[in-house]
N, C-alpha and C. Protein backbone atom coordinates (compact mmCIF):
# COMPACT_ATOMS: atom_id res chain seq x y z
N MET A 1 90.50 16.25 166.91
CA MET A 1 91.32 17.20 166.60
C MET A 1 91.16 17.59 165.31
N GLN A 2 91.09 16.59 164.53
CA GLN A 2 91.08 17.04 163.01
C GLN A 2 89.75 17.93 162.69
N ILE A 3 88.87 17.72 163.39
CA ILE A 3 87.63 18.64 163.24
C ILE A 3 87.90 19.95 163.65
N ILE A 4 88.62 19.95 164.80
CA ILE A 4 88.97 21.42 165.07
C ILE A 4 89.81 21.89 164.15
N LEU A 5 90.66 21.27 163.65
CA LEU A 5 91.63 21.88 162.43
C LEU A 5 90.58 22.19 161.27
N TYR A 6 89.89 21.30 160.89
CA TYR A 6 88.92 21.81 159.78
C TYR A 6 88.13 22.83 159.98
N LEU A 7 87.58 23.03 161.23
CA LEU A 7 86.72 24.03 161.68
C LEU A 7 87.49 25.38 161.66
N SER A 8 88.90 25.39 162.10
CA SER A 8 89.60 26.39 162.27
C SER A 8 89.98 27.03 160.80
N VAL A 9 90.19 26.01 159.94
CA VAL A 9 90.41 26.50 158.47
C VAL A 9 89.06 27.04 158.01
N ALA A 10 88.07 26.55 158.20
CA ALA A 10 86.62 26.98 157.77
C ALA A 10 86.43 28.28 158.21
N LEU A 11 86.80 28.46 159.52
CA LEU A 11 86.76 29.73 160.13
C LEU A 11 87.76 30.77 159.61
N ILE A 12 88.63 30.49 159.37
CA ILE A 12 89.83 31.12 158.74
C ILE A 12 89.20 31.49 157.18
N ALA A 13 88.62 30.75 156.44
CA ALA A 13 88.16 30.91 155.28
C ALA A 13 87.01 31.93 155.22
N ILE A 14 86.20 31.62 156.33
CA ILE A 14 84.92 32.53 156.38
C ILE A 14 85.42 33.91 156.62
N ALA A 15 86.41 34.03 157.62
CA ALA A 15 86.98 35.43 157.95
C ALA A 15 87.71 36.14 156.94
N PHE A 16 88.33 35.16 156.07
CA PHE A 16 89.06 35.76 154.93
C PHE A 16 87.91 36.24 153.82
N LEU A 17 86.86 35.38 153.69
CA LEU A 17 85.77 35.94 152.74
C LEU A 17 85.24 37.22 153.42
N VAL A 18 84.89 37.36 154.51
CA VAL A 18 84.39 38.55 155.17
C VAL A 18 85.26 39.75 154.79
N LEU A 19 86.57 39.43 154.85
CA LEU A 19 87.57 40.39 154.84
C LEU A 19 87.62 40.86 153.43
N VAL A 20 87.56 39.78 152.45
CA VAL A 20 87.68 40.15 151.06
C VAL A 20 86.30 41.09 150.58
N ILE A 21 85.11 40.54 151.17
CA ILE A 21 84.02 41.43 150.93
C ILE A 21 84.11 42.73 151.38
N TYR A 22 84.47 42.96 152.62
CA TYR A 22 84.72 44.39 153.01
C TYR A 22 85.70 45.17 152.20
N LEU A 23 86.93 44.48 151.93
CA LEU A 23 87.89 45.22 151.29
C LEU A 23 87.33 45.48 149.80
N SER A 24 86.57 44.67 149.06
CA SER A 24 86.08 45.01 147.95
C SER A 24 85.15 46.16 148.03
N LYS A 25 84.17 46.22 148.86
CA LYS A 25 83.19 47.40 149.14
C LYS A 25 84.14 48.66 149.46
N THR A 26 85.39 48.45 150.40
CA THR A 26 85.99 49.65 150.45
C THR A 26 86.89 50.19 149.08
N LEU A 27 87.26 49.33 148.45
CA LEU A 27 88.00 49.69 147.11
C LEU A 27 87.23 50.12 146.16
N LYS A 28 85.83 49.62 146.11
CA LYS A 28 84.68 50.06 145.25
C LYS A 28 84.44 51.72 145.64
N SER A 29 84.23 51.91 146.75
CA SER A 29 84.03 53.15 147.26
C SER A 29 85.19 54.06 146.88
N LEU A 30 86.38 53.58 147.14
CA LEU A 30 87.62 54.49 146.77
C LEU A 30 87.60 54.63 145.47
N GLN A 31 87.18 53.81 144.52
CA GLN A 31 87.14 53.88 143.05
C GLN A 31 86.02 55.00 142.72
N GLU A 32 84.93 54.96 143.39
CA GLU A 32 84.02 56.13 143.20
C GLU A 32 84.59 57.32 143.51
N THR A 33 85.18 57.45 144.72
CA THR A 33 85.66 58.62 145.18
C THR A 33 86.90 59.32 144.26
N LEU A 34 87.65 58.18 143.80
CA LEU A 34 88.72 58.72 142.88
C LEU A 34 88.11 59.22 141.44
N ALA A 35 87.05 58.45 141.08
CA ALA A 35 86.38 58.98 139.92
C ALA A 35 85.83 60.36 140.10
N GLY A 36 85.32 60.64 141.01
CA GLY A 36 84.65 62.08 141.37
C GLY A 36 85.73 63.16 141.51
N VAL A 37 86.91 62.69 142.12
CA VAL A 37 88.03 63.57 142.16
C VAL A 37 88.66 63.83 140.90
N SER A 38 88.75 62.73 140.11
CA SER A 38 89.30 63.06 138.72
C SER A 38 88.29 63.96 137.80
N GLY A 39 86.93 63.87 137.95
CA GLY A 39 86.09 64.76 137.39
C GLY A 39 86.28 66.27 137.91
N THR A 40 86.38 66.14 139.19
CA THR A 40 86.47 67.54 139.86
C THR A 40 87.95 68.26 139.20
N LEU A 41 88.93 67.49 139.14
CA LEU A 41 90.29 67.79 138.72
C LEU A 41 90.26 68.33 137.15
N LYS A 42 89.28 67.61 136.44
CA LYS A 42 89.24 67.99 135.05
C LYS A 42 88.36 69.29 134.95
N GLY A 43 87.36 69.45 135.82
CA GLY A 43 86.82 70.80 135.82
C GLY A 43 87.66 71.87 136.37
N LEU A 44 88.63 71.77 137.25
CA LEU A 44 89.61 72.66 137.70
C LEU A 44 90.66 72.84 136.57
N GLU A 45 90.81 71.90 135.96
CA GLU A 45 91.78 72.10 134.94
C GLU A 45 91.06 72.94 133.85
N LYS A 46 90.02 72.87 133.41
CA LYS A 46 89.29 73.74 132.55
C LYS A 46 89.27 75.12 132.97
N GLN A 47 88.83 75.24 134.36
CA GLN A 47 88.92 76.54 134.97
C GLN A 47 90.04 77.25 134.87
N LEU A 48 91.07 76.41 135.37
CA LEU A 48 92.39 77.02 135.42
C LEU A 48 93.01 77.58 133.97
N ASP A 49 92.64 76.81 132.74
CA ASP A 49 92.98 77.32 131.60
C ASP A 49 92.14 78.50 131.34
N GLY A 50 91.09 78.81 131.66
CA GLY A 50 90.27 79.87 131.50
C GLY A 50 90.95 81.17 132.44
N VAL A 51 91.22 80.80 133.56
CA VAL A 51 92.02 81.80 134.51
C VAL A 51 93.36 82.24 133.89
N MET A 52 93.89 81.26 133.33
CA MET A 52 95.46 81.60 132.85
C MET A 52 95.15 82.44 131.44
N GLY A 53 94.08 82.25 130.71
CA GLY A 53 93.95 83.03 129.49
C GLY A 53 93.67 84.41 130.04
N GLU A 54 92.75 84.76 131.02
CA GLU A 54 92.38 85.94 131.36
C GLU A 54 93.61 86.68 132.26
N THR A 55 94.45 85.84 132.91
CA THR A 55 95.48 86.50 133.53
C THR A 55 96.65 86.95 132.52
N HIS A 56 96.76 86.15 131.43
CA HIS A 56 97.70 86.62 130.16
C HIS A 56 97.21 87.86 129.61
N LEU A 57 95.98 87.96 129.54
CA LEU A 57 95.32 89.23 128.89
C LEU A 57 95.42 90.36 129.83
N LEU A 58 95.24 90.09 131.17
CA LEU A 58 95.29 91.20 132.28
C LEU A 58 96.59 91.78 132.26
N LEU A 59 97.70 90.80 132.21
CA LEU A 59 99.27 91.08 132.16
C LEU A 59 99.37 91.81 130.82
N GLN A 60 99.01 91.55 129.74
CA GLN A 60 99.28 92.44 128.65
C GLN A 60 98.79 93.75 128.88
N LYS A 61 97.37 93.92 129.37
CA LYS A 61 96.90 95.21 129.62
C LYS A 61 97.72 96.04 130.66
N THR A 62 98.03 95.22 131.74
CA THR A 62 98.94 95.74 132.82
C THR A 62 100.11 96.46 132.13
N ASN A 63 100.90 95.59 131.30
CA ASN A 63 102.18 96.28 130.69
C ASN A 63 101.78 97.50 129.72
N ALA A 64 100.78 97.42 128.95
CA ALA A 64 100.55 98.57 128.17
C ALA A 64 100.22 99.64 129.15
N LEU A 65 99.37 99.54 130.10
CA LEU A 65 98.97 100.60 130.98
C LEU A 65 100.47 101.18 131.72
N ALA A 66 101.34 100.29 131.98
CA ALA A 66 102.57 100.75 132.72
C ALA A 66 103.36 101.60 131.59
N GLU A 67 103.17 101.23 130.46
CA GLU A 67 104.12 101.92 129.38
C GLU A 67 103.51 103.30 129.17
N ASP A 68 102.02 103.30 129.12
CA ASP A 68 101.37 104.48 128.88
C ASP A 68 101.77 105.50 130.07
N ILE A 69 101.64 104.94 131.36
CA ILE A 69 102.06 105.81 132.63
C ILE A 69 103.36 106.37 132.65
N GLN A 70 104.42 105.45 132.07
CA GLN A 70 105.75 105.94 131.94
C GLN A 70 105.97 107.08 131.11
N GLN A 71 105.10 107.01 129.96
CA GLN A 71 105.21 108.06 128.83
C GLN A 71 104.60 109.22 129.34
N LYS A 72 103.53 109.05 130.06
CA LYS A 72 102.82 110.47 130.48
C LYS A 72 103.68 111.03 131.73
N SER A 73 104.22 110.11 132.34
CA SER A 73 105.25 110.65 133.55
C SER A 73 106.42 111.39 132.84
N LYS A 74 106.96 110.99 131.85
CA LYS A 74 107.84 111.84 131.06
C LYS A 74 107.52 112.94 130.69
N ASP A 75 106.24 113.05 130.06
CA ASP A 75 105.74 114.19 129.66
C ASP A 75 105.33 115.28 130.79
N LEU A 76 104.84 114.57 131.84
CA LEU A 76 104.72 115.57 132.92
C LEU A 76 106.12 116.04 133.37
N ASN A 77 107.09 115.20 133.47
CA ASN A 77 108.21 115.76 133.97
C ASN A 77 108.84 117.07 133.16
N SER A 78 108.38 117.09 131.74
CA SER A 78 108.91 118.22 130.86
C SER A 78 108.10 119.32 131.27
N VAL A 79 106.71 119.15 131.71
CA VAL A 79 105.77 120.16 131.97
C VAL A 79 106.25 120.88 133.22
N VAL A 80 106.75 120.00 134.30
CA VAL A 80 107.20 120.42 135.55
C VAL A 80 108.55 121.17 135.27
N THR A 81 109.32 120.87 134.63
CA THR A 81 110.43 121.65 134.13
C THR A 81 110.23 122.93 133.61
N ALA A 82 109.21 123.00 132.74
CA ALA A 82 108.83 124.25 132.07
C ALA A 82 108.29 125.29 133.07
N VAL A 83 107.45 124.50 133.94
CA VAL A 83 106.94 125.33 135.05
C VAL A 83 107.89 125.95 135.96
N LYS A 84 108.96 125.24 136.34
CA LYS A 84 110.00 125.51 137.15
C LYS A 84 110.84 126.69 136.42
N ASP A 85 111.08 126.51 135.09
CA ASP A 85 111.81 127.55 134.31
C ASP A 85 110.78 128.97 134.60
N VAL A 86 109.37 128.65 134.27
CA VAL A 86 108.92 130.07 134.53
C VAL A 86 108.85 130.60 135.66
N GLY A 87 108.89 129.84 136.77
CA GLY A 87 109.08 130.22 138.15
C GLY A 87 110.41 130.99 138.33
N THR A 88 111.41 130.53 137.66
CA THR A 88 112.78 131.12 137.88
C THR A 88 112.84 132.32 136.97
N THR A 89 112.23 132.29 135.94
CA THR A 89 111.97 133.65 135.01
C THR A 89 111.39 134.72 135.87
N ILE A 90 110.12 134.38 136.55
CA ILE A 90 109.37 135.31 137.25
C ILE A 90 110.16 135.68 138.52
N ALA A 91 110.91 134.99 139.06
CA ALA A 91 111.73 135.25 140.32
C ALA A 91 112.76 136.41 139.84
N GLY A 92 113.47 136.09 138.60
CA GLY A 92 114.47 136.98 137.89
C GLY A 92 113.74 138.34 137.68
N PHE A 93 112.51 138.25 137.10
CA PHE A 93 111.76 139.26 136.65
C PHE A 93 111.44 140.28 137.96
N ASN A 94 111.01 139.57 138.98
CA ASN A 94 110.67 140.26 140.35
C ASN A 94 111.95 140.76 140.97
N GLY A 95 113.02 140.27 140.90
CA GLY A 95 114.29 140.93 141.36
C GLY A 95 114.61 142.07 140.47
N THR A 96 114.54 142.08 139.05
CA THR A 96 114.69 143.24 138.17
C THR A 96 113.88 144.26 138.63
N LEU A 97 112.49 143.96 138.84
CA LEU A 97 111.65 145.03 139.13
C LEU A 97 111.84 145.57 140.25
N LYS A 98 112.22 144.91 141.38
CA LYS A 98 112.64 145.50 142.62
C LYS A 98 113.72 146.30 142.57
N SER A 99 114.75 146.00 141.89
CA SER A 99 115.89 146.75 141.67
C SER A 99 115.61 148.12 141.12
N ILE A 100 114.62 148.01 140.01
CA ILE A 100 114.30 149.21 139.26
C ILE A 100 113.28 150.06 140.33
N THR A 101 112.35 149.61 140.81
CA THR A 101 111.78 150.32 141.86
C THR A 101 112.60 150.92 142.99
N THR A 102 113.51 150.28 143.42
CA THR A 102 114.54 150.74 144.33
C THR A 102 115.22 151.93 143.64
N SER A 103 115.74 151.73 142.42
CA SER A 103 116.40 152.82 141.80
C SER A 103 115.39 154.03 141.50
N VAL A 104 114.13 154.01 141.34
CA VAL A 104 113.17 155.09 141.07
C VAL A 104 113.10 155.64 142.33
N ASP A 105 112.82 154.96 143.44
CA ASP A 105 112.74 155.36 144.86
C ASP A 105 113.88 156.42 145.14
N GLN A 106 115.10 155.92 144.81
CA GLN A 106 116.12 156.75 145.08
C GLN A 106 116.30 157.95 144.50
N THR A 107 116.03 157.76 143.08
CA THR A 107 115.94 158.96 142.06
C THR A 107 114.97 159.74 142.42
N VAL A 108 113.71 159.52 142.92
CA VAL A 108 112.71 160.41 143.53
C VAL A 108 113.17 160.92 144.82
N GLU A 109 113.65 160.40 145.66
CA GLU A 109 114.22 160.86 146.88
C GLU A 109 115.43 161.91 146.67
N ASP A 110 116.18 161.61 145.67
CA ASP A 110 117.26 162.59 145.34
C ASP A 110 116.60 163.87 144.63
N SER A 111 115.66 163.69 143.78
CA SER A 111 115.29 164.86 143.22
C SER A 111 113.90 165.42 143.94
N LYS A 112 113.79 165.29 145.18
CA LYS A 112 112.53 165.65 145.78
C LYS A 112 112.85 167.12 145.96
N GLU A 113 113.82 167.50 146.34
CA GLU A 113 114.23 169.13 146.55
C GLU A 113 114.17 169.72 145.35
N LYS A 114 114.59 169.14 144.35
CA LYS A 114 114.36 169.84 142.94
C LYS A 114 113.06 170.03 142.53
N VAL A 115 112.14 169.03 142.82
CA VAL A 115 110.77 169.05 142.32
C VAL A 115 110.04 170.00 143.30
N ALA A 116 110.45 170.24 144.50
CA ALA A 116 110.02 171.22 145.30
C ALA A 116 110.14 172.72 144.86
N GLN A 117 111.51 172.71 144.57
CA GLN A 117 111.73 173.96 143.84
C GLN A 117 111.10 174.47 142.68
N ILE A 118 111.03 173.19 141.70
CA ILE A 118 110.18 173.50 140.56
C ILE A 118 108.75 174.02 140.70
N ILE A 119 108.18 173.30 141.80
CA ILE A 119 106.75 173.51 142.24
C ILE A 119 106.67 174.98 142.59
N GLN A 120 107.64 175.56 143.30
CA GLN A 120 107.73 176.79 143.96
C GLN A 120 107.84 177.80 142.81
N TRP A 121 108.75 177.65 141.96
CA TRP A 121 108.80 178.34 140.75
C TRP A 121 107.73 178.33 139.84
N SER A 122 107.07 177.39 139.69
CA SER A 122 105.67 177.29 138.94
C SER A 122 104.69 178.07 139.51
N ASN A 123 104.55 178.02 140.89
CA ASN A 123 103.72 178.80 141.62
C ASN A 123 103.77 180.45 141.47
N ILE A 124 105.14 180.60 141.48
CA ILE A 124 105.51 182.00 141.41
C ILE A 124 105.24 182.58 139.96
N LEU A 125 105.47 181.78 138.96
CA LEU A 125 105.10 182.06 137.49
C LEU A 125 103.73 182.09 137.42
N LEU A 126 102.89 181.28 138.09
CA LEU A 126 101.44 181.28 137.92
C LEU A 126 100.74 182.53 138.48
N GLU A 127 101.36 183.06 139.62
CA GLU A 127 101.14 184.17 140.31
C GLU A 127 101.13 185.30 139.44
N LEU A 128 102.37 185.40 138.67
CA LEU A 128 102.88 186.41 137.92
C LEU A 128 102.06 186.68 136.76
N LYS A 129 101.63 185.40 136.26
CA LYS A 129 100.70 185.41 135.00
C LYS A 129 99.43 186.02 135.48
N ASP A 130 98.84 185.43 136.70
CA ASP A 130 97.55 185.89 137.10
C ASP A 130 97.79 187.59 137.18
N LYS A 131 98.73 187.98 137.91
CA LYS A 131 98.74 189.50 137.91
C LYS A 131 99.12 190.13 136.79
N TRP A 132 99.68 189.64 135.83
CA TRP A 132 100.03 190.28 134.45
C TRP A 132 98.46 190.43 133.74
N GLN A 133 97.73 189.19 133.90
CA GLN A 133 96.37 189.11 133.25
C GLN A 133 95.56 190.14 133.88
N ALA A 134 95.65 190.18 135.19
CA ALA A 134 94.81 191.10 135.90
C ALA A 134 95.19 192.56 135.55
N ARG A 135 96.42 192.79 135.38
CA ARG A 135 96.88 194.29 135.00
C ARG A 135 96.52 194.39 133.60
N LYS A 136 96.50 193.60 132.72
CA LYS A 136 96.02 193.69 131.27
C LYS A 136 94.63 193.86 131.26
N GLN A 137 93.97 193.22 132.00
CA GLN A 137 92.31 193.48 131.90
C GLN A 137 92.12 194.81 132.52
N ALA A 138 92.83 195.10 133.57
CA ALA A 138 92.54 196.62 134.14
C ALA A 138 92.94 197.40 133.07
N ASN A 139 94.04 197.49 132.49
CA ASN A 139 94.47 198.34 131.34
C ASN A 139 93.34 198.42 130.40
N ASN A 140 92.85 197.37 129.81
CA ASN A 140 91.67 197.25 128.85
C ASN A 140 90.51 198.00 129.26
N GLU A 141 90.10 197.79 130.52
CA GLU A 141 88.96 198.34 131.10
C GLU A 141 89.18 199.85 131.07
N VAL A 142 90.35 200.26 131.35
CA VAL A 142 90.52 201.49 131.50
C VAL A 142 90.67 202.24 130.09
N ASN A 143 91.20 201.63 129.24
CA ASN A 143 91.23 202.04 127.73
C ASN A 143 89.91 201.92 127.07
N SER A 144 89.03 201.05 127.63
CA SER A 144 87.71 201.31 126.94
C SER A 144 86.98 202.36 127.56
N GLU A 145 87.14 202.78 128.56
CA GLU A 145 86.52 203.98 129.26
C GLU A 145 86.99 205.15 128.71
N VAL A 146 88.23 205.17 128.36
CA VAL A 146 88.92 206.37 127.92
C VAL A 146 88.50 206.65 126.54
N LYS A 147 88.27 205.53 125.66
CA LYS A 147 88.08 205.90 124.22
C LYS A 147 86.60 206.34 124.15
N PRO A 148 85.55 206.05 124.77
CA PRO A 148 84.51 206.75 124.44
C PRO A 148 84.42 208.14 124.99
N ARG A 149 85.20 208.40 125.93
CA ARG A 149 85.38 210.00 126.18
C ARG A 149 86.12 210.69 125.02
N ILE A 150 87.10 210.03 124.56
CA ILE A 150 87.87 210.85 123.51
C ILE A 150 86.77 211.13 122.35
N ARG A 151 86.01 210.13 122.06
CA ARG A 151 85.12 210.36 120.92
C ARG A 151 84.11 211.25 121.29
N ALA A 152 83.73 211.29 122.59
CA ALA A 152 82.71 212.23 122.77
C ALA A 152 83.25 213.53 122.55
N HIS A 153 84.43 214.04 122.93
CA HIS A 153 84.97 215.32 122.84
C HIS A 153 85.14 215.95 121.44
C-alpha cells in the first residue's frame, strides 16, 4: 500500500510538473503576445498624437472658415438689402411712369378734338396760302406780259 501511495505521489508530482511546464509555455506565449500588444499600442499612441495635432489644425481652419463665411454672409445680406431697395425704387418709378402715361393718354384723349380742329384750320390756312401764292404768281405773269407791251408802245 505504501508503494501505491508513493506511486500516487510520484504521479501527482509528474502531473504537477507537466502542468507547470504547460503553464510556463502558456505564460511565455502570453508574455510575447502582451509585448506585441504593447508595441502596437505605442505605435497607435504615436499615430493618435499625430491625428490629434492634425485634428487641432483642421478645427482651427474650420473655425476661421466659419468666421469668413459668416462675414461674407453679412456682406451678402447688405447687398441683398440694396438690391431689394433698388427693386422697390424701380417699382415706385414704374408706378409713377404708369400714372404719367395714364395722365398723358387722358390729356391726348381730351384734346383729340382740339387737335383735329387745329389740323383742319392748318389745312385751310395751307390751302389759302397756296391759292394766294398761285394768285400772286398769276399776277406776276400778267404784269410781266403787260410791261413789255407798255414799253413797246
